[in-house]
Amino acid sequence: MELGLSNVDIVLLILTLFAAGLTIGGGRTNVLQSVVHLPLFAIYVMLTFSP
């Protein structure tokens, strides 16, 4: 199965799913766990607009 993603996009997808699983899987979250998602989003936006 191919998603049509580059290697960088696949790594970013795996990191995002891993971080979301750790954050949601514990039942309770705190600010520190939620802040992990901000750099992932920033990297996504940076890679989206970079040539």
Protein backbone atom coordinates (compact mmCIF):
# COMPACT_ATOMS: atom_id res chain seq x y z
CA MET A 1 0.00 0.00 0.00
CA GLU A 2 1.37 3.38 -0.97
CA LEU A 3 0.14 6.67 0.45
CA GLY A 4 1.91 8.89 -2.06
CA LEU A 5 4.10 10.40 0.66
CA SER A 6 7.81 11.13 0.65
CA ASN A 7 10.08 9.60 3.26
CA VAL A 8 10.07 12.81 5.32
CA ASP A 9 6.27 12.91 5.30
CA ILE A 10 6.07 9.28 6.43
CA VAL A 11 8.42 9.95 9.36
CA LEU A 12 6.38 13.02 10.34
CA LEU A 13 3.16 11.00 10.12
CA ILE A 14 4.58 8.25 12.33
CA LEU A 15 5.84 10.79 14.90
CA THR A 16 2.46 12.51 14.97
CA LEU A 17 0.55 9.27 15.43
CA PHE A 18 2.98 8.17 18.16
CA ALA A 19 2.65 11.49 20.02
CA ALA A 20 -1.13 11.42 19.71
CA GLY A 21 -1.25 7.85 20.98
CA LEU A 22 0.84 8.71 24.03
CA THR A 23 -1.18 11.83 24.76
CA ILE A 24 -4.64 10.31 24.33
CA GLY A 25 -3.81 6.80 25.53
CA GLY A 26 -3.00 7.88 29.08
CA GLY A 27 -6.48 9.18 29.76
CA ARG A 28 -5.31 12.40 31.38
CA THR A 29 -3.13 14.97 29.67
CA ASN A 30 -1.18 17.96 30.85
CA VAL A 31 0.27 21.01 29.18
CA LEU A 32 3.70 19.44 28.64
CA GLN A 33 2.25 16.53 26.69
CA SER A 34 0.13 18.89 24.62
CA VAL A 35 3.10 21.14 23.81
CA VAL A 36 4.73 18.23 21.96
CA HIS A 37 2.15 18.65 19.21
CA LEU A 38 3.12 22.28 18.54
CA PRO A 39 6.61 21.57 17.10
CA LEU A 40 5.16 18.74 15.02
CA PHE A 41 2.63 21.15 13.56
CA ALA A 42 5.31 23.79 12.98
CA ILE A 43 7.49 21.28 11.13
CA TYR A 44 4.49 20.24 9.04
CA VAL A 45 3.74 23.85 8.05
CA MET A 46 7.43 24.52 7.31
CA LEU A 47 7.68 21.44 5.08
CA THR A 48 4.41 22.27 3.33
CA PHE A 49 5.58 25.70 2.22
CA SER A 50 9.23 24.90 1.53
CA PRO A 51 10.12 24.36 -2.15
